Amino acid sequence: MFKTSLLGGSERDFPNSEFRSPPSSDYGNSNFYELLQQKYPHLVPDFSAFARQSGVSMPNKDWERNMLTGTTILAMKYKNGVFIAGDRQAVEGFQVGERRIEKVYTTDEYSAIAVAGVAGPCIEMAKLLQIQLEYHEKQEGVILSLEGKANFLSGLLRSNLSAALVGLVVVPIFAGYDLNRKIGRIFKYDITGGRYEEVDYYATGSGGKDARGTLKKRYRPNMERDEGVKAVLEAIWDAADEDLATGGPDLIRDIYPTVKTISSSGIEDVSDSEIKQVYESLIDALKE
């Protein structure tokens, strides 16, 4: 039975709280978002309501400058599956708002989401997708198919459309290993929830165009893992070089992009030490 609350605790942590899970007969189906809407509507993220209460409209640039905004994310296929990655910087107008923000989230054993856009709704949507996939598995006893995961994220984006129209935009990339097809797959989205599958690679966010330019040159079908890591990190490097909002490797503070591999073995993080070594090699090559 699903015991975890939205606050990260369990039923025993909130014995007399509204956050306790309802009896199994009250669940209805395996759609966690629908359960929230029906039984706990006040817990459903509603950023459009915040915007309405604040009197915010799209042209209000001063308001937009006060929001943390995540930037460059990307995904690329390789021989054994798919990479998903993002830089660590978020901007607040024309200044650095956060240097260590996470833009890549594991959603289950075989999929992950990377988010670009306004940090608040981006993180909320990533967490809601995580909970939904866990909830579905506990209710149905099986892992949701990769197509089903991608479709559910599309529905979340449609529900956020009114917020996106006032500037609270979420632009994700969803990637995973398809256990049925035995391949890695990449899905991109627009703010209306439109879902589109990319064949080889994709990048978005403020530095997305520059990252795609690098991936276009470096990508090869059936790339080995190590070659793929270099291509992904070089793409983020080039995006940071051209786009002020994208953060490159920070060798002084030991801050490096987040890179994950997704394969038949599950999800693995590319370590900071490996990423640092790749960037040091790139720097040495530039000095020659």
C-alpha atoms as a PDB file:
ATOM      1  CA  MET A   1       0.000   0.000   0.000  1.00  0.00           C
ATOM      2  CA  PHE A   2       1.200   3.478  -0.815  1.00  0.00           C
ATOM      3  CA  LYS A   3       2.218   5.073   2.470  1.00  0.00           C
ATOM      4  CA  THR A   4       4.369   8.064   1.571  1.00  0.00           C
ATOM      5  CA  SER A   5       2.828  11.524   1.929  1.00  0.00           C
ATOM      6  CA  LEU A   6       3.524  14.577  -0.186  1.00  0.00           C
ATOM      7  CA  LEU A   7       5.588  15.947   2.687  1.00  0.00           C
ATOM      8  CA  GLY A   8       7.990  13.027   2.469  1.00  0.00           C
ATOM      9  CA  GLY A   9       6.753  11.318   5.652  1.00  0.00           C
ATOM     10  CA  SER A  10       4.634   8.267   6.321  1.00  0.00           C
ATOM     11  CA  GLU A  11       1.329   7.616   8.064  1.00  0.00           C
ATOM     12  CA  ARG A  12       3.078   6.983  11.362  1.00  0.00           C
ATOM     13  CA  ASP A  13       4.673  10.456  11.082  1.00  0.00           C
ATOM     14  CA  PHE A  14       1.220  12.063  10.793  1.00  0.00           C
ATOM     15  CA  PRO A  15      -1.134   9.828  12.872  1.00  0.00           C
ATOM     16  CA  ASN A  16      -3.894  12.448  13.081  1.00  0.00           C
ATOM     17  CA  SER A  17      -3.201  14.233   9.829  1.00  0.00           C
ATOM     18  CA  GLU A  18      -5.069  14.724   6.554  1.00  0.00           C
ATOM     19  CA  PHE A  19      -1.904  13.486   4.857  1.00  0.00           C
ATOM     20  CA  ARG A  20      -2.601   9.893   5.838  1.00  0.00           C
ATOM     21  CA  SER A  21      -3.275   7.585   2.898  1.00  0.00           C
ATOM     22  CA  PRO A  22      -6.992   6.775   2.433  1.00  0.00           C
ATOM     23  CA  PRO A  23      -8.261   3.177   2.627  1.00  0.00           C
ATOM     24  CA  SER A  24      -7.470   1.122  -0.496  1.00  0.00           C
ATOM     25  CA  SER A  25     -11.174   1.124  -1.466  1.00  0.00           C
ATOM     26  CA  ASP A  26     -10.963   4.912  -1.811  1.00  0.00           C
ATOM     27  CA  TYR A  27      -8.139   4.927  -4.334  1.00  0.00           C
ATOM     28  CA  GLY A  28     -10.387   4.513  -7.371  1.00  0.00           C
ATOM     29  CA  ASN A  29      -7.656   3.880  -9.950  1.00  0.00           C
ATOM     30  CA  SER A  30      -3.900   4.084 -10.394  1.00  0.00           C
ATOM     31  CA  ASN A  31      -3.863   7.788 -11.313  1.00  0.00           C
ATOM     32  CA  PHE A  32      -2.325   9.638  -8.381  1.00  0.00           C
ATOM     33  CA  TYR A  33      -2.972  13.079  -9.870  1.00  0.00           C
ATOM     34  CA  GLU A  34      -6.679  12.238 -10.218  1.00  0.00           C
ATOM     35  CA  LEU A  35      -6.727  11.059  -6.593  1.00  0.00           C
ATOM     36  CA  LEU A  36      -5.327  14.424  -5.505  1.00  0.00           C
ATOM     37  CA  GLN A  37      -7.899  16.305  -7.566  1.00  0.00           C
ATOM     38  CA  GLN A  38     -10.783  14.317  -6.087  1.00  0.00           C
ATOM     39  CA  LYS A  39      -9.803  13.967  -2.430  1.00  0.00           C
ATOM     40  CA  TYR A  40      -7.116  16.583  -1.761  1.00  0.00           C
ATOM     41  CA  PRO A  41      -7.678  19.380  -4.316  1.00  0.00           C
ATOM     42  CA  HIS A  42      -5.877  21.892  -2.095  1.00  0.00           C
ATOM     43  CA  LEU A  43      -2.677  19.848  -2.548  1.00  0.00           C
ATOM     44  CA  VAL A  44      -2.762  19.981  -6.354  1.00  0.00           C
ATOM     45  CA  PRO A  45      -0.065  22.403  -7.563  1.00  0.00           C
ATOM     46  CA  ASP A  46      -1.887  25.428  -9.030  1.00  0.00           C
ATOM     47  CA  PHE A  47       0.595  28.094 -10.055  1.00  0.00           C
ATOM     48  CA  SER A  48      -1.961  29.810 -12.262  1.00  0.00           C
ATOM     49  CA  ALA A  49      -4.003  30.566  -9.129  1.00  0.00           C
ATOM     50  CA  PHE A  50      -0.947  32.186  -7.578  1.00  0.00           C
ATOM     51  CA  ALA A  51      -0.496  34.279 -10.691  1.00  0.00           C
ATOM     52  CA  ARG A  52      -4.158  35.363 -10.647  1.00  0.00           C
ATOM     53  CA  GLN A  53      -4.055  36.297  -6.967  1.00  0.00           C
ATOM     54  CA  SER A  54      -0.889  38.297  -7.558  1.00  0.00           C
ATOM     55  CA  GLY A  55      -2.397  40.150 -10.492  1.00  0.00           C
ATOM     56  CA  VAL A  56       0.418  38.884 -12.715  1.00  0.00           C
ATOM     57  CA  SER A  57       0.244  39.042 -16.497  1.00  0.00           C
ATOM     58  CA  MET A  58       2.704  37.871 -19.114  1.00  0.00           C
ATOM     59  CA  PRO A  59       4.158  41.326 -19.907  1.00  0.00           C
ATOM     60  CA  ASN A  60       5.202  41.879 -16.299  1.00  0.00           C
ATOM     61  CA  LYS A  61       8.951  41.466 -16.822  1.00  0.00           C
ATOM     62  CA  ASP A  62       9.872  42.737 -13.360  1.00  0.00           C
ATOM     63  CA  TRP A  63       7.971  39.833 -11.809  1.00  0.00           C
ATOM     64  CA  GLU A  64       9.641  37.347 -14.134  1.00  0.00           C
ATOM     65  CA  ARG A  65      13.086  38.588 -13.109  1.00  0.00           C
ATOM     66  CA  ASN A  66      12.361  37.563  -9.514  1.00  0.00           C
ATOM     67  CA  MET A  67      11.827  33.897 -10.407  1.00  0.00           C
ATOM     68  CA  LEU A  68      14.536  31.248 -10.539  1.00  0.00           C
ATOM     69  CA  THR A  69      14.750  29.874 -14.071  1.00  0.00           C
ATOM     70  CA  GLY A  70      16.536  26.678 -15.045  1.00  0.00           C
ATOM     71  CA  THR A  71      18.277  26.591 -18.380  1.00  0.00           C
ATOM     72  CA  THR A  72      19.943  23.924 -20.526  1.00  0.00           C
ATOM     73  CA  ILE A  73      18.927  20.245 -20.547  1.00  0.00           C
ATOM     74  CA  LEU A  74      19.564  17.496 -23.092  1.00  0.00           C
ATOM     75  CA  ALA A  75      19.286  13.800 -23.889  1.00  0.00           C
ATOM     76  CA  MET A  76      21.178  11.605 -26.334  1.00  0.00           C
ATOM     77  CA  LYS A  77      21.050   7.941 -27.276  1.00  0.00           C
ATOM     78  CA  TYR A  78      24.073   5.668 -27.123  1.00  0.00           C
ATOM     79  CA  LYS A  79      24.774   1.995 -27.712  1.00  0.00           C
ATOM     80  CA  ASN A  80      23.248   0.647 -24.499  1.00  0.00           C
ATOM     81  CA  GLY A  81      20.515   3.192 -23.856  1.00  0.00           C
ATOM     82  CA  VAL A  82      20.238   6.939 -23.404  1.00  0.00           C
ATOM     83  CA  PHE A  83      21.936   9.834 -21.600  1.00  0.00           C
ATOM     84  CA  ILE A  84      19.975  12.597 -19.890  1.00  0.00           C
ATOM     85  CA  ALA A  85      21.762  15.662 -18.552  1.00  0.00           C
ATOM     86  CA  GLY A  86      21.509  19.276 -17.457  1.00  0.00           C
ATOM     87  CA  ASP A  87      23.641  22.102 -16.159  1.00  0.00           C
ATOM     88  CA  ARG A  88      23.392  23.174 -12.500  1.00  0.00           C
ATOM     89  CA  GLN A  89      22.756  26.914 -12.789  1.00  0.00           C
ATOM     90  CA  ALA A  90      19.511  28.834 -12.382  1.00  0.00           C
ATOM     91  CA  VAL A  91      19.234  32.526 -13.123  1.00  0.00           C
ATOM     92  CA  GLU A  92      17.152  35.244 -11.506  1.00  0.00           C
ATOM     93  CA  GLY A  93      16.768  37.933 -14.124  1.00  0.00           C
ATOM     94  CA  PHE A  94      20.286  38.990 -15.102  1.00  0.00           C
ATOM     95  CA  GLN A  95      22.048  37.418 -12.147  1.00  0.00           C
ATOM     96  CA  VAL A  96      22.909  33.932 -10.943  1.00  0.00           C
ATOM     97  CA  GLY A  97      20.126  32.755  -8.662  1.00  0.00           C
ATOM     98  CA  GLU A  98      21.417  29.275  -7.791  1.00  0.00           C
ATOM     99  CA  ARG A  99      24.605  27.415  -8.738  1.00  0.00           C
ATOM    100  CA  ARG A 100      23.708  23.904  -7.576  1.00  0.00           C
ATOM    101  CA  ILE A 101      20.106  23.409  -8.656  1.00  0.00           C
ATOM    102  CA  GLU A 102      19.064  19.928  -9.785  1.00  0.00           C
ATOM    103  CA  LYS A 103      17.363  19.738 -13.178  1.00  0.00           C
ATOM    104  CA  VAL A 104      17.548  15.966 -13.755  1.00  0.00           C
ATOM    105  CA  TYR A 105      15.370  13.662 -11.639  1.00  0.00           C
ATOM    106  CA  THR A 106      15.098   9.889 -11.587  1.00  0.00           C
ATOM    107  CA  THR A 107      11.414   9.010 -11.956  1.00  0.00           C
ATOM    108  CA  ASP A 108      11.743   5.248 -11.615  1.00  0.00           C
ATOM    109  CA  GLU A 109      14.276   2.499 -12.280  1.00  0.00           C
ATOM    110  CA  TYR A 110      14.204   2.960 -16.066  1.00  0.00           C
ATOM    111  CA  SER A 111      13.282   6.600 -16.703  1.00  0.00           C
ATOM    112  CA  ALA A 112      14.229  10.151 -15.787  1.00  0.00           C
ATOM    113  CA  ILE A 113      13.026  13.691 -16.434  1.00  0.00           C
ATOM    114  CA  ALA A 114      15.060  16.844 -17.048  1.00  0.00           C
ATOM    115  CA  VAL A 115      13.294  20.186 -16.600  1.00  0.00           C
ATOM    116  CA  ALA A 116      13.919  23.681 -17.921  1.00  0.00           C
ATOM    117  CA  GLY A 117      11.824  26.755 -17.145  1.00  0.00           C
ATOM    118  CA  VAL A 118      10.628  28.363 -13.925  1.00  0.00           C
ATOM    119  CA  ALA A 119      12.186  26.336 -11.118  1.00  0.00           C
ATOM    120  CA  GLY A 120       9.159  26.125  -8.793  1.00  0.00           C
ATOM    121  CA  PRO A 121       6.657  24.428 -11.111  1.00  0.00           C
ATOM    122  CA  CYS A 122       9.475  22.447 -12.771  1.00  0.00           C
ATOM    123  CA  ILE A 123      10.453  20.774  -9.493  1.00  0.00           C
ATOM    124  CA  GLU A 124       6.809  20.254  -8.475  1.00  0.00           C
ATOM    125  CA  MET A 125       6.047  18.533 -11.777  1.00  0.00           C
ATOM    126  CA  ALA A 126       9.118  16.291 -11.547  1.00  0.00           C
ATOM    127  CA  LYS A 127       8.184  15.217  -8.008  1.00  0.00           C
ATOM    128  CA  LEU A 128       4.557  14.599  -8.982  1.00  0.00           C
ATOM    129  CA  LEU A 129       5.690  12.366 -11.848  1.00  0.00           C
ATOM    130  CA  GLN A 130       7.948  10.443  -9.458  1.00  0.00           C
ATOM    131  CA  ILE A 131       5.063   9.820  -7.063  1.00  0.00           C
ATOM    132  CA  GLN A 132       2.670   8.890  -9.878  1.00  0.00           C
ATOM    133  CA  LEU A 133       4.963   6.179 -11.247  1.00  0.00           C
ATOM    134  CA  GLU A 134       5.543   4.708  -7.789  1.00  0.00           C
ATOM    135  CA  TYR A 135       1.820   4.881  -7.036  1.00  0.00           C
ATOM    136  CA  HIS A 136       0.910   3.115 -10.308  1.00  0.00           C
ATOM    137  CA  GLU A 137       3.395   0.313  -9.652  1.00  0.00           C
ATOM    138  CA  LYS A 138       2.062  -0.260  -6.129  1.00  0.00           C
ATOM    139  CA  GLN A 139      -1.555  -0.209  -7.293  1.00  0.00           C
ATOM    140  CA  GLU A 140      -1.185  -2.324 -10.434  1.00  0.00           C
ATOM    141  CA  GLY A 141       1.758  -4.508  -9.432  1.00  0.00           C
ATOM    142  CA  VAL A 142       3.594  -3.758 -12.684  1.00  0.00           C
ATOM    143  CA  ILE A 143       5.771  -0.947 -14.018  1.00  0.00           C
ATOM    144  CA  LEU A 144       3.963   1.490 -16.294  1.00  0.00           C
ATOM    145  CA  SER A 145       5.158   1.244 -19.904  1.00  0.00           C
ATOM    146  CA  LEU A 146       7.501   3.953 -21.160  1.00  0.00           C
ATOM    147  CA  GLU A 147       4.750   5.191 -23.492  1.00  0.00           C
ATOM    148  CA  GLY A 148       2.398   5.420 -20.523  1.00  0.00           C
ATOM    149  CA  LYS A 149       4.936   7.407 -18.518  1.00  0.00           C
ATOM    150  CA  ALA A 150       5.464   9.825 -21.403  1.00  0.00           C
ATOM    151  CA  ASN A 151       1.710  10.222 -21.872  1.00  0.00           C
ATOM    152  CA  PHE A 152       1.134  10.980 -18.192  1.00  0.00           C
ATOM    153  CA  LEU A 153       3.740  13.747 -18.309  1.00  0.00           C
ATOM    154  CA  SER A 154       1.907  15.167 -21.308  1.00  0.00           C
ATOM    155  CA  GLY A 155      -1.237  15.383 -19.188  1.00  0.00           C
ATOM    156  CA  LEU A 156       0.611  17.215 -16.408  1.00  0.00           C
ATOM    157  CA  LEU A 157       1.821  19.801 -18.902  1.00  0.00           C
ATOM    158  CA  ARG A 158      -1.715  20.328 -20.224  1.00  0.00           C
ATOM    159  CA  SER A 159      -2.911  20.934 -16.674  1.00  0.00           C
ATOM    160  CA  ASN A 160      -0.197  23.594 -16.317  1.00  0.00           C
ATOM    161  CA  LEU A 161      -1.139  25.448 -19.516  1.00  0.00           C
ATOM    162  CA  SER A 162      -2.919  28.360 -17.820  1.00  0.00           C
ATOM    163  CA  ALA A 163       0.141  28.894 -15.625  1.00  0.00           C
ATOM    164  CA  ALA A 164       2.461  28.677 -18.622  1.00  0.00           C
ATOM    165  CA  LEU A 165       0.492  31.417 -20.369  1.00  0.00           C
ATOM    166  CA  VAL A 166       1.354  33.834 -17.548  1.00  0.00           C
ATOM    167  CA  GLY A 167       5.033  32.926 -17.649  1.00  0.00           C
ATOM    168  CA  LEU A 168       5.298  29.894 -15.335  1.00  0.00           C
ATOM    169  CA  VAL A 169       6.634  27.693 -18.099  1.00  0.00           C
ATOM    170  CA  VAL A 170       7.807  24.100 -17.708  1.00  0.00           C
ATOM    171  CA  VAL A 171       9.706  22.551 -20.641  1.00  0.00           C
ATOM    172  CA  PRO A 172      10.818  18.973 -19.890  1.00  0.00           C
ATOM    173  CA  ILE A 173      12.701  16.214 -21.641  1.00  0.00           C
ATOM    174  CA  PHE A 174      11.673  12.692 -20.687  1.00  0.00           C
ATOM    175  CA  ALA A 175      13.986   9.770 -21.413  1.00  0.00           C
ATOM    176  CA  GLY A 176      14.016   6.117 -20.535  1.00  0.00           C
ATOM    177  CA  TYR A 177      14.844   2.566 -21.510  1.00  0.00           C
ATOM    178  CA  ASP A 178      11.977   0.756 -23.206  1.00  0.00           C
ATOM    179  CA  LEU A 179      11.950  -2.763 -21.779  1.00  0.00           C
ATOM    180  CA  ASN A 180       9.703  -3.979 -24.609  1.00  0.00           C
ATOM    181  CA  ARG A 181      11.689  -2.556 -27.524  1.00  0.00           C
ATOM    182  CA  LYS A 182      15.065  -2.950 -25.774  1.00  0.00           C
ATOM    183  CA  ILE A 183      16.155   0.593 -26.724  1.00  0.00           C
ATOM    184  CA  GLY A 184      16.583   4.016 -25.157  1.00  0.00           C
ATOM    185  CA  ARG A 185      13.961   6.597 -26.122  1.00  0.00           C
ATOM    186  CA  ILE A 186      13.702  10.399 -25.872  1.00  0.00           C
ATOM    187  CA  PHE A 187      10.515  12.498 -25.670  1.00  0.00           C
ATOM    188  CA  LYS A 188      10.251  16.275 -25.937  1.00  0.00           C
ATOM    189  CA  TYR A 189       7.197  18.440 -25.152  1.00  0.00           C
ATOM    190  CA  ASP A 190       5.682  21.845 -25.744  1.00  0.00           C
ATOM    191  CA  ILE A 191       3.771  23.887 -23.163  1.00  0.00           C
ATOM    192  CA  THR A 192       0.395  22.563 -24.405  1.00  0.00           C
ATOM    193  CA  GLY A 193       1.377  18.980 -23.545  1.00  0.00           C
ATOM    194  CA  GLY A 194       2.250  18.022 -27.105  1.00  0.00           C
ATOM    195  CA  ARG A 195       4.548  15.004 -27.027  1.00  0.00           C
ATOM    196  CA  TYR A 196       7.103  14.292 -29.728  1.00  0.00           C
ATOM    197  CA  GLU A 197       9.705  11.527 -29.910  1.00  0.00           C
ATOM    198  CA  GLU A 198      13.258  12.318 -30.977  1.00  0.00           C
ATOM    199  CA  VAL A 199      15.252   9.676 -32.830  1.00  0.00           C
ATOM    200  CA  ASP A 200      18.825  10.437 -31.753  1.00  0.00           C
ATOM    201  CA  TYR A 201      19.220  13.466 -29.436  1.00  0.00           C
ATOM    202  CA  TYR A 202      17.587  16.668 -28.251  1.00  0.00           C
ATOM    203  CA  ALA A 203      18.399  19.735 -26.152  1.00  0.00           C
ATOM    204  CA  THR A 204      16.249  22.623 -24.961  1.00  0.00           C
ATOM    205  CA  GLY A 205      16.335  25.580 -22.606  1.00  0.00           C
ATOM    206  CA  SER A 206      18.133  28.861 -23.163  1.00  0.00           C
ATOM    207  CA  GLY A 207      21.295  27.082 -24.320  1.00  0.00           C
ATOM    208  CA  GLY A 208      19.466  24.300 -26.130  1.00  0.00           C
ATOM    209  CA  LYS A 209      20.230  25.529 -29.634  1.00  0.00           C
ATOM    210  CA  ASP A 210      23.978  25.689 -28.949  1.00  0.00           C
ATOM    211  CA  ALA A 211      23.941  22.254 -27.299  1.00  0.00           C
ATOM    212  CA  ARG A 212      22.072  20.763 -30.263  1.00  0.00           C
ATOM    213  CA  GLY A 213      24.705  22.187 -32.593  1.00  0.00           C
ATOM    214  CA  THR A 214      27.424  20.288 -30.745  1.00  0.00           C
ATOM    215  CA  LEU A 215      25.396  17.083 -30.533  1.00  0.00           C
ATOM    216  CA  LYS A 216      24.739  17.284 -34.269  1.00  0.00           C
ATOM    217  CA  LYS A 217      28.491  17.194 -34.886  1.00  0.00           C
ATOM    218  CA  ARG A 218      29.426  14.653 -32.200  1.00  0.00           C
ATOM    219  CA  TYR A 219      26.571  12.167 -32.330  1.00  0.00           C
ATOM    220  CA  ARG A 220      27.137   8.786 -33.975  1.00  0.00           C
ATOM    221  CA  PRO A 221      24.755   5.806 -33.967  1.00  0.00           C
ATOM    222  CA  ASN A 222      25.681   3.134 -31.412  1.00  0.00           C
ATOM    223  CA  MET A 223      28.189   5.312 -29.575  1.00  0.00           C
ATOM    224  CA  GLU A 224      30.066   3.691 -26.738  1.00  0.00           C
ATOM    225  CA  ARG A 225      29.374   5.061 -23.270  1.00  0.00           C
ATOM    226  CA  ASP A 226      32.675   6.921 -22.806  1.00  0.00           C
ATOM    227  CA  GLU A 227      32.417   8.607 -26.205  1.00  0.00           C
ATOM    228  CA  GLY A 228      28.838   9.577 -25.416  1.00  0.00           C
ATOM    229  CA  VAL A 229      29.807  11.137 -22.060  1.00  0.00           C
ATOM    230  CA  LYS A 230      32.356  13.325 -23.847  1.00  0.00           C
ATOM    231  CA  ALA A 231      29.778  14.441 -26.440  1.00  0.00           C
ATOM    232  CA  VAL A 232      27.182  15.316 -23.786  1.00  0.00           C
ATOM    233  CA  LEU A 233      29.645  17.264 -21.638  1.00  0.00           C
ATOM    234  CA  GLU A 234      31.055  19.105 -24.648  1.00  0.00           C
ATOM    235  CA  ALA A 235      27.509  20.107 -25.630  1.00  0.00           C
ATOM    236  CA  ILE A 236      26.896  21.637 -22.182  1.00  0.00           C
ATOM    237  CA  TRP A 237      30.330  23.317 -22.343  1.00  0.00           C
ATOM    238  CA  ASP A 238      29.486  24.937 -25.692  1.00  0.00           C
ATOM    239  CA  ALA A 239      26.038  25.996 -24.465  1.00  0.00           C
ATOM    240  CA  ALA A 240      27.619  27.675 -21.410  1.00  0.00           C
ATOM    241  CA  ASP A 241      30.156  29.410 -23.640  1.00  0.00           C
ATOM    242  CA  GLU A 242      27.429  31.002 -25.769  1.00  0.00           C
ATOM    243  CA  ASP A 243      24.532  31.367 -23.314  1.00  0.00           C
ATOM    244  CA  LEU A 244      24.956  33.497 -20.183  1.00  0.00           C
ATOM    245  CA  ALA A 245      22.203  31.638 -18.318  1.00  0.00           C
ATOM    246  CA  THR A 246      23.823  28.200 -18.714  1.00  0.00           C
ATOM    247  CA  GLY A 247      26.381  27.111 -16.138  1.00  0.00           C
ATOM    248  CA  GLY A 248      29.463  25.249 -17.292  1.00  0.00           C
ATOM    249  CA  PRO A 249      31.843  23.249 -15.090  1.00  0.00           C
ATOM    250  CA  ASP A 250      33.005  25.167 -12.024  1.00  0.00           C
ATOM    251  CA  LEU A 251      36.401  23.671 -11.196  1.00  0.00           C
ATOM    252  CA  ILE A 252      36.903  26.011  -8.232  1.00  0.00           C
ATOM    253  CA  ARG A 253      33.626  25.168  -6.451  1.00  0.00           C
ATOM    254  CA  ASP A 254      33.551  21.557  -7.742  1.00  0.00           C
ATOM    255  CA  ILE A 255      30.171  22.041  -9.413  1.00  0.00           C
ATOM    256  CA  TYR A 256      29.586  19.941 -12.517  1.00  0.00           C
ATOM    257  CA  PRO A 257      26.630  19.162 -14.785  1.00  0.00           C
ATOM    258  CA  THR A 258      24.325  16.291 -13.871  1.00  0.00           C
ATOM    259  CA  VAL A 259      24.599  13.338 -16.263  1.00  0.00           C
ATOM    260  CA  LYS A 260      22.730  10.041 -15.961  1.00  0.00           C
ATOM    261  CA  THR A 261      22.754   6.911 -18.115  1.00  0.00           C
ATOM    262  CA  ILE A 262      19.607   4.820 -18.544  1.00  0.00           C
ATOM    263  CA  SER A 263      19.989   1.266 -19.837  1.00  0.00           C
ATOM    264  CA  SER A 264      18.662  -2.251 -19.285  1.00  0.00           C
ATOM    265  CA  SER A 265      20.636  -2.218 -16.017  1.00  0.00           C
ATOM    266  CA  GLY A 266      18.710   0.798 -14.763  1.00  0.00           C
ATOM    267  CA  ILE A 267      19.859   4.361 -14.047  1.00  0.00           C
ATOM    268  CA  GLU A 268      23.419   5.263 -13.118  1.00  0.00           C
ATOM    269  CA  ASP A 269      24.948   8.653 -12.320  1.00  0.00           C
ATOM    270  CA  VAL A 270      28.099   9.674 -14.110  1.00  0.00           C
ATOM    271  CA  SER A 271      30.381  10.594 -11.209  1.00  0.00           C
ATOM    272  CA  ASP A 272      31.715  14.094 -10.639  1.00  0.00           C
ATOM    273  CA  SER A 273      35.260  12.720 -10.751  1.00  0.00           C
ATOM    274  CA  GLU A 274      34.701  11.320 -14.248  1.00  0.00           C
ATOM    275  CA  ILE A 275      33.057  14.539 -15.420  1.00  0.00           C
ATOM    276  CA  LYS A 276      35.937  16.584 -13.984  1.00  0.00           C
ATOM    277  CA  GLN A 277      38.447  14.402 -15.817  1.00  0.00           C
ATOM    278  CA  VAL A 278      36.641  14.871 -19.140  1.00  0.00           C
ATOM    279  CA  TYR A 279      36.555  18.652 -18.721  1.00  0.00           C
ATOM    280  CA  GLU A 280      40.209  18.789 -17.751  1.00  0.00           C
ATOM    281  CA  SER A 281      40.987  16.913 -20.972  1.00  0.00           C
ATOM    282  CA  LEU A 282      38.922  19.414 -22.962  1.00  0.00           C
ATOM    283  CA  ILE A 283      40.768  22.322 -21.331  1.00  0.00           C
ATOM    284  CA  ASP A 284      44.144  20.723 -22.075  1.00  0.00           C
ATOM    285  CA  ALA A 285      43.119  20.240 -25.702  1.00  0.00           C
ATOM    286  CA  LEU A 286      42.227  23.936 -25.997  1.00  0.00           C
ATOM    287  CA  LYS A 287      45.686  24.915 -24.711  1.00  0.00           C
ATOM    288  CA  GLU A 288      47.481  22.946 -27.421  1.00  0.00           C
END
